[in-house]
Amino acid sequence: MSELEDLLLSELSKDTDIPLVDNEPLITVLETAKAKSVEIAESLEVAKETGASIDANRLEYTKVA
């Protein structure tokens, strides 16, 4: 993710006469960053569900012990 941030900052800091909406490299970086962000959000949701499942199972074993 750090690489994407660096690339995004690099593209934004370039001095060009091209409007932002026509800057293809910038748009590509933004699309990649968005896709990565969605992927991370999905992974966090799975981790949250897994953590809840682990906690529930742990409580079941605590009753036995």
PDB file of N, CA and C in Angstrom:
ATOM      1  N   MET A   1       0.828  -1.186   0.000  1.00  0.00           N
ATOM      2  CA  MET A   1       0.000   0.000   0.000  1.00  0.00           C
ATOM      3  C   MET A   1       0.876   1.255   0.000  1.00  0.00           C
ATOM      4  N   SER A   2       2.007   1.170   0.665  1.00  0.00           N
ATOM      5  CA  SER A   2       2.926   2.296   0.714  1.00  0.00           C
ATOM      6  C   SER A   2       3.423   2.656  -0.687  1.00  0.00           C
ATOM      7  N   GLU A   3       3.655   1.628  -1.498  1.00  0.00           N
ATOM      8  CA  GLU A   3       4.093   1.878  -2.876  1.00  0.00           C
ATOM      9  C   GLU A   3       3.033   2.652  -3.650  1.00  0.00           C
ATOM     10  N   LEU A   4       1.773   2.287  -3.442  1.00  0.00           N
ATOM     11  CA  LEU A   4       0.684   2.992  -4.129  1.00  0.00           C
ATOM     12  C   LEU A   4       0.610   4.445  -3.682  1.00  0.00           C
ATOM     13  N   GLU A   5       0.790   4.663  -2.383  1.00  0.00           N
ATOM     14  CA  GLU A   5       0.761   6.034  -1.881  1.00  0.00           C
ATOM     15  C   GLU A   5       1.889   6.859  -2.493  1.00  0.00           C
ATOM     16  N   ASP A   6       3.076   6.266  -2.539  1.00  0.00           N
ATOM     17  CA  ASP A   6       4.219   6.974  -3.120  1.00  0.00           C
ATOM     18  C   ASP A   6       3.992   7.280  -4.598  1.00  0.00           C
ATOM     19  N   LEU A   7       3.461   6.301  -5.318  1.00  0.00           N
ATOM     20  CA  LEU A   7       3.187   6.489  -6.742  1.00  0.00           C
ATOM     21  C   LEU A   7       2.111   7.552  -6.951  1.00  0.00           C
ATOM     22  N   LEU A   8       1.093   7.533  -6.122  1.00  0.00           N
ATOM     23  CA  LEU A   8       0.028   8.524  -6.216  1.00  0.00           C
ATOM     24  C   LEU A   8       0.568   9.923  -5.956  1.00  0.00           C
ATOM     25  N   LEU A   9       1.368  10.060  -4.907  1.00  0.00           N
ATOM     26  CA  LEU A   9       1.957  11.367  -4.614  1.00  0.00           C
ATOM     27  C   LEU A   9       2.873  11.824  -5.737  1.00  0.00           C
ATOM     28  N   SER A  10       3.597  10.897  -6.323  1.00  0.00           N
ATOM     29  CA  SER A  10       4.480  11.221  -7.440  1.00  0.00           C
ATOM     30  C   SER A  10       3.675  11.737  -8.627  1.00  0.00           C
ATOM     31  N   GLU A  11       2.594  11.037  -8.948  1.00  0.00           N
ATOM     32  CA  GLU A  11       1.756  11.455 -10.085  1.00  0.00           C
ATOM     33  C   GLU A  11       1.096  12.804  -9.828  1.00  0.00           C
ATOM     34  N   LEU A  12       0.672  13.022  -8.593  1.00  0.00           N
ATOM     35  CA  LEU A  12       0.024  14.294  -8.268  1.00  0.00           C
ATOM     36  C   LEU A  12       1.000  15.463  -8.271  1.00  0.00           C
ATOM     37  N   SER A  13       2.252  15.192  -7.949  1.00  0.00           N
ATOM     38  CA  SER A  13       3.217  16.283  -7.858  1.00  0.00           C
ATOM     39  C   SER A  13       3.870  16.632  -9.196  1.00  0.00           C
ATOM     40  N   LYS A  14       3.642  15.817 -10.220  1.00  0.00           N
ATOM     41  CA  LYS A  14       4.235  16.113 -11.525  1.00  0.00           C
ATOM     42  C   LYS A  14       3.634  17.395 -12.093  1.00  0.00           C
ATOM     43  N   ASP A  15       4.489  18.204 -12.643  1.00  0.00           N
ATOM     44  CA  ASP A  15       4.055  19.466 -13.234  1.00  0.00           C
ATOM     45  C   ASP A  15       3.751  19.235 -14.719  1.00  0.00           C
ATOM     46  N   THR A  16       2.457  19.077 -15.019  1.00  0.00           N
ATOM     47  CA  THR A  16       2.054  18.862 -16.410  1.00  0.00           C
ATOM     48  C   THR A  16       0.915  19.803 -16.754  1.00  0.00           C
ATOM     49  N   ASP A  17       0.696  19.943 -18.044  1.00  0.00           N
ATOM     50  CA  ASP A  17      -0.421  20.762 -18.518  1.00  0.00           C
ATOM     51  C   ASP A  17      -1.681  19.925 -18.713  1.00  0.00           C
ATOM     52  N   ILE A  18      -1.582  18.630 -18.431  1.00  0.00           N
ATOM     53  CA  ILE A  18      -2.718  17.723 -18.609  1.00  0.00           C
ATOM     54  C   ILE A  18      -3.668  17.875 -17.418  1.00  0.00           C
ATOM     55  N   PRO A  19      -4.954  18.082 -17.683  1.00  0.00           N
ATOM     56  CA  PRO A  19      -5.929  18.132 -16.578  1.00  0.00           C
ATOM     57  C   PRO A  19      -5.961  16.797 -15.842  1.00  0.00           C
ATOM     58  N   LEU A  20      -6.276  16.822 -14.568  1.00  0.00           N
ATOM     59  CA  LEU A  20      -6.300  15.604 -13.763  1.00  0.00           C
ATOM     60  C   LEU A  20      -7.203  14.528 -14.353  1.00  0.00           C
ATOM     61  N   VAL A  21      -8.347  14.931 -14.905  1.00  0.00           N
ATOM     62  CA  VAL A  21      -9.281  13.947 -15.449  1.00  0.00           C
ATOM     63  C   VAL A  21      -8.756  13.278 -16.707  1.00  0.00           C
ATOM     64  N   ASP A  22      -7.754  13.842 -17.337  1.00  0.00           N
ATOM     65  CA  ASP A  22      -7.172  13.257 -18.546  1.00  0.00           C
ATOM     66  C   ASP A  22      -5.821  12.588 -18.281  1.00  0.00           C
ATOM     67  N   ASN A  23      -5.376  12.614 -17.048  1.00  0.00           N
ATOM     68  CA  ASN A  23      -4.081  12.052 -16.690  1.00  0.00           C
ATOM     69  C   ASN A  23      -4.226  10.538 -16.489  1.00  0.00           C
ATOM     70  N   GLU A  24      -3.957   9.774 -17.540  1.00  0.00           N
ATOM     71  CA  GLU A  24      -4.151   8.324 -17.519  1.00  0.00           C
ATOM     72  C   GLU A  24      -3.319   7.609 -16.445  1.00  0.00           C
ATOM     73  N   PRO A  25      -2.029   7.939 -16.296  1.00  0.00           N
ATOM     74  CA  PRO A  25      -1.266   7.260 -15.231  1.00  0.00           C
ATOM     75  C   PRO A  25      -1.859   7.506 -13.842  1.00  0.00           C
ATOM     76  N   LEU A  26      -2.312   8.715 -13.596  1.00  0.00           N
ATOM     77  CA  LEU A  26      -2.919   9.044 -12.308  1.00  0.00           C
ATOM     78  C   LEU A  26      -4.214   8.256 -12.109  1.00  0.00           C
ATOM     79  N   ILE A  27      -5.029   8.195 -13.137  1.00  0.00           N
ATOM     80  CA  ILE A  27      -6.295   7.459 -13.051  1.00  0.00           C
ATOM     81  C   ILE A  27      -6.030   5.974 -12.790  1.00  0.00           C
ATOM     82  N   THR A  28      -5.011   5.437 -13.429  1.00  0.00           N
ATOM     83  CA  THR A  28      -4.652   4.031 -13.223  1.00  0.00           C
ATOM     84  C   THR A  28      -4.233   3.791 -11.777  1.00  0.00           C
ATOM     85  N   VAL A  29      -3.424   4.686 -11.228  1.00  0.00           N
ATOM     86  CA  VAL A  29      -2.983   4.557  -9.839  1.00  0.00           C
ATOM     87  C   VAL A  29      -4.179   4.649  -8.898  1.00  0.00           C
ATOM     88  N   LEU A  30      -5.082   5.569  -9.170  1.00  0.00           N
ATOM     89  CA  LEU A  30      -6.268   5.715  -8.325  1.00  0.00           C
ATOM     90  C   LEU A  30      -7.152   4.472  -8.376  1.00  0.00           C
ATOM     91  N   GLU A  31      -7.315   3.893  -9.555  1.00  0.00           N
ATOM     92  CA  GLU A  31      -8.111   2.679  -9.688  1.00  0.00           C
ATOM     93  C   GLU A  31      -7.462   1.514  -8.945  1.00  0.00           C
ATOM     94  N   THR A  32      -6.153   1.414  -9.032  1.00  0.00           N
ATOM     95  CA  THR A  32      -5.427   0.359  -8.318  1.00  0.00           C
ATOM     96  C   THR A  32      -5.560   0.539  -6.812  1.00  0.00           C
ATOM     97  N   ALA A  33      -5.429   1.769  -6.356  1.00  0.00           N
ATOM     98  CA  ALA A  33      -5.557   2.055  -4.928  1.00  0.00           C
ATOM     99  C   ALA A  33      -6.961   1.730  -4.432  1.00  0.00           C
ATOM    100  N   LYS A  34      -7.960   2.049  -5.224  1.00  0.00           N
ATOM    101  CA  LYS A  34      -9.343   1.753  -4.841  1.00  0.00           C
ATOM    102  C   LYS A  34      -9.558   0.253  -4.747  1.00  0.00           C
ATOM    103  N   ALA A  35      -9.061  -0.498  -5.721  1.00  0.00           N
ATOM    104  CA  ALA A  35      -9.216  -1.955  -5.712  1.00  0.00           C
ATOM    105  C   ALA A  35      -8.513  -2.555  -4.493  1.00  0.00           C
ATOM    106  N   LYS A  36      -7.331  -2.060  -4.185  1.00  0.00           N
ATOM    107  CA  LYS A  36      -6.584  -2.552  -3.025  1.00  0.00           C
ATOM    108  C   LYS A  36      -7.325  -2.216  -1.739  1.00  0.00           C
ATOM    109  N   SER A  37      -7.914  -1.045  -1.680  1.00  0.00           N
ATOM    110  CA  SER A  37      -8.672  -0.635  -0.508  1.00  0.00           C
ATOM    111  C   SER A  37      -9.876  -1.549  -0.282  1.00  0.00           C
ATOM    112  N   VAL A  38     -10.573  -1.889  -1.354  1.00  0.00           N
ATOM    113  CA  VAL A  38     -11.719  -2.795  -1.255  1.00  0.00           C
ATOM    114  C   VAL A  38     -11.259  -4.172  -0.782  1.00  0.00           C
ATOM    115  N   GLU A  39     -10.143  -4.637  -1.326  1.00  0.00           N
ATOM    116  CA  GLU A  39      -9.580  -5.938  -0.942  1.00  0.00           C
ATOM    117  C   GLU A  39      -9.229  -5.957   0.550  1.00  0.00           C
ATOM    118  N   ILE A  40      -8.626  -4.888   1.030  1.00  0.00           N
ATOM    119  CA  ILE A  40      -8.254  -4.795   2.445  1.00  0.00           C
ATOM    120  C   ILE A  40      -9.503  -4.766   3.325  1.00  0.00           C
ATOM    121  N   ALA A  41     -10.515  -4.017   2.919  1.00  0.00           N
ATOM    122  CA  ALA A  41     -11.755  -3.947   3.685  1.00  0.00           C
ATOM    123  C   ALA A  41     -12.415  -5.320   3.785  1.00  0.00           C
ATOM    124  N   GLU A  42     -12.403  -6.065   2.684  1.00  0.00           N
ATOM    125  CA  GLU A  42     -12.979  -7.414   2.697  1.00  0.00           C
ATOM    126  C   GLU A  42     -12.179  -8.326   3.626  1.00  0.00           C
ATOM    127  N   SER A  43     -10.868  -8.218   3.594  1.00  0.00           N
ATOM    128  CA  SER A  43     -10.020  -9.035   4.463  1.00  0.00           C
ATOM    129  C   SER A  43     -10.250  -8.699   5.927  1.00  0.00           C
ATOM    130  N   LEU A  44     -10.440  -7.427   6.235  1.00  0.00           N
ATOM    131  CA  LEU A  44     -10.714  -7.019   7.607  1.00  0.00           C
ATOM    132  C   LEU A  44     -12.051  -7.570   8.091  1.00  0.00           C
ATOM    133  N   GLU A  45     -13.027  -7.607   7.214  1.00  0.00           N
ATOM    134  CA  GLU A  45     -14.340  -8.150   7.570  1.00  0.00           C
ATOM    135  C   GLU A  45     -14.226  -9.648   7.867  1.00  0.00           C
ATOM    136  N   VAL A  46     -13.483 -10.374   7.033  1.00  0.00           N
ATOM    137  CA  VAL A  46     -13.273 -11.807   7.264  1.00  0.00           C
ATOM    138  C   VAL A  46     -12.538 -12.020   8.587  1.00  0.00           C
ATOM    139  N   ALA A  47     -11.538 -11.199   8.870  1.00  0.00           N
ATOM    140  CA  ALA A  47     -10.791 -11.314  10.120  1.00  0.00           C
ATOM    141  C   ALA A  47     -11.694 -11.046  11.321  1.00  0.00           C
ATOM    142  N   LYS A  48     -12.578 -10.093  11.194  1.00  0.00           N
ATOM    143  CA  LYS A  48     -13.520  -9.781  12.274  1.00  0.00           C
ATOM    144  C   LYS A  48     -14.442 -10.968  12.536  1.00  0.00           C
ATOM    145  N   GLU A  49     -14.966 -11.565  11.470  1.00  0.00           N
ATOM    146  CA  GLU A  49     -15.845 -12.725  11.608  1.00  0.00           C
ATOM    147  C   GLU A  49     -15.084 -13.917  12.199  1.00  0.00           C
ATOM    148  N   THR A  50     -13.841 -14.113  11.759  1.00  0.00           N
ATOM    149  CA  THR A  50     -13.018 -15.206  12.277  1.00  0.00           C
ATOM    150  C   THR A  50     -12.741 -15.003  13.764  1.00  0.00           C
ATOM    151  N   GLY A  51     -12.441 -13.790  14.145  1.00  0.00           N
ATOM    152  CA  GLY A  51     -12.193 -13.479  15.555  1.00  0.00           C
ATOM    153  C   GLY A  51     -13.419 -13.760  16.415  1.00  0.00           C
ATOM    154  N   ALA A  52     -14.588 -13.391  15.917  1.00  0.00           N
ATOM    155  CA  ALA A  52     -15.824 -13.642  16.656  1.00  0.00           C
ATOM    156  C   ALA A  52     -16.064 -15.145  16.794  1.00  0.00           C
ATOM    157  N   SER A  53     -15.788 -15.893  15.738  1.00  0.00           N
ATOM    158  CA  SER A  53     -15.954 -17.342  15.779  1.00  0.00           C
ATOM    159  C   SER A  53     -14.986 -17.980  16.776  1.00  0.00           C
ATOM    160  N   ILE A  54     -13.749 -17.514  16.778  1.00  0.00           N
ATOM    161  CA  ILE A  54     -12.755 -18.027  17.722  1.00  0.00           C
ATOM    162  C   ILE A  54     -13.186 -17.738  19.162  1.00  0.00           C
ATOM    163  N   ASP A  55     -13.670 -16.531  19.413  1.00  0.00           N
ATOM    164  CA  ASP A  55     -14.120 -16.177  20.754  1.00  0.00           C
ATOM    165  C   ASP A  55     -15.281 -17.061  21.193  1.00  0.00           C
ATOM    166  N   ALA A  56     -16.226 -17.297  20.292  1.00  0.00           N
ATOM    167  CA  ALA A  56     -17.378 -18.139  20.620  1.00  0.00           C
ATOM    168  C   ALA A  56     -16.919 -19.562  20.930  1.00  0.00           C
ATOM    169  N   ASN A  57     -16.016 -20.105  20.129  1.00  0.00           N
ATOM    170  CA  ASN A  57     -15.510 -21.454  20.386  1.00  0.00           C
ATOM    171  C   ASN A  57     -14.727 -21.517  21.689  1.00  0.00           C
ATOM    172  N   ARG A  58     -13.960 -20.488  21.970  1.00  0.00           N
ATOM    173  CA  ARG A  58     -13.181 -20.451  23.206  1.00  0.00           C
ATOM    174  C   ARG A  58     -14.099 -20.481  24.418  1.00  0.00           C
ATOM    175  N   LEU A  59     -15.211 -19.772  24.342  1.00  0.00           N
ATOM    176  CA  LEU A  59     -16.162 -19.763  25.455  1.00  0.00           C
ATOM    177  C   LEU A  59     -16.784 -21.141  25.655  1.00  0.00           C
ATOM    178  N   GLU A  60     -17.008 -21.870  24.579  1.00  0.00           N
ATOM    179  CA  GLU A  60     -17.552 -23.218  24.693  1.00  0.00           C
ATOM    180  C   GLU A  60     -16.568 -24.128  25.450  1.00  0.00           C
ATOM    181  N   TYR A  61     -15.294 -23.999  25.170  1.00  0.00           N
ATOM    182  CA  TYR A  61     -14.286 -24.819  25.843  1.00  0.00           C
ATOM    183  C   TYR A  61     -14.097 -24.401  27.297  1.00  0.00           C
ATOM    184  N   THR A  62     -14.330 -23.143  27.602  1.00  0.00           N
ATOM    185  CA  THR A  62     -14.180 -22.661  28.965  1.00  0.00           C
ATOM    186  C   THR A  62     -15.223 -23.320  29.864  1.00  0.00           C
ATOM    187  N   LYS A  63     -16.417 -23.548  29.336  1.00  0.00           N
ATOM    188  CA  LYS A  63     -17.474 -24.198  30.107  1.00  0.00           C
ATOM    189  C   LYS A  63     -17.059 -25.622  30.496  1.00  0.00           C
ATOM    190  N   VAL A  64     -16.339 -26.287  29.618  1.00  0.00           N
ATOM    191  CA  VAL A  64     -15.923 -27.665  29.867  1.00  0.00           C
ATOM    192  C   VAL A  64     -14.784 -27.728  30.874  1.00  0.00           C
ATOM    193  N   ALA A  65     -13.898 -26.753  30.806  1.00  0.00           N
ATOM    194  CA  ALA A  65     -12.713 -26.766  31.686  1.00  0.00           C
ATOM    195  C   ALA A  65     -13.055 -26.336  33.052  1.00  0.00           C
TER     196      ALA A  65
END
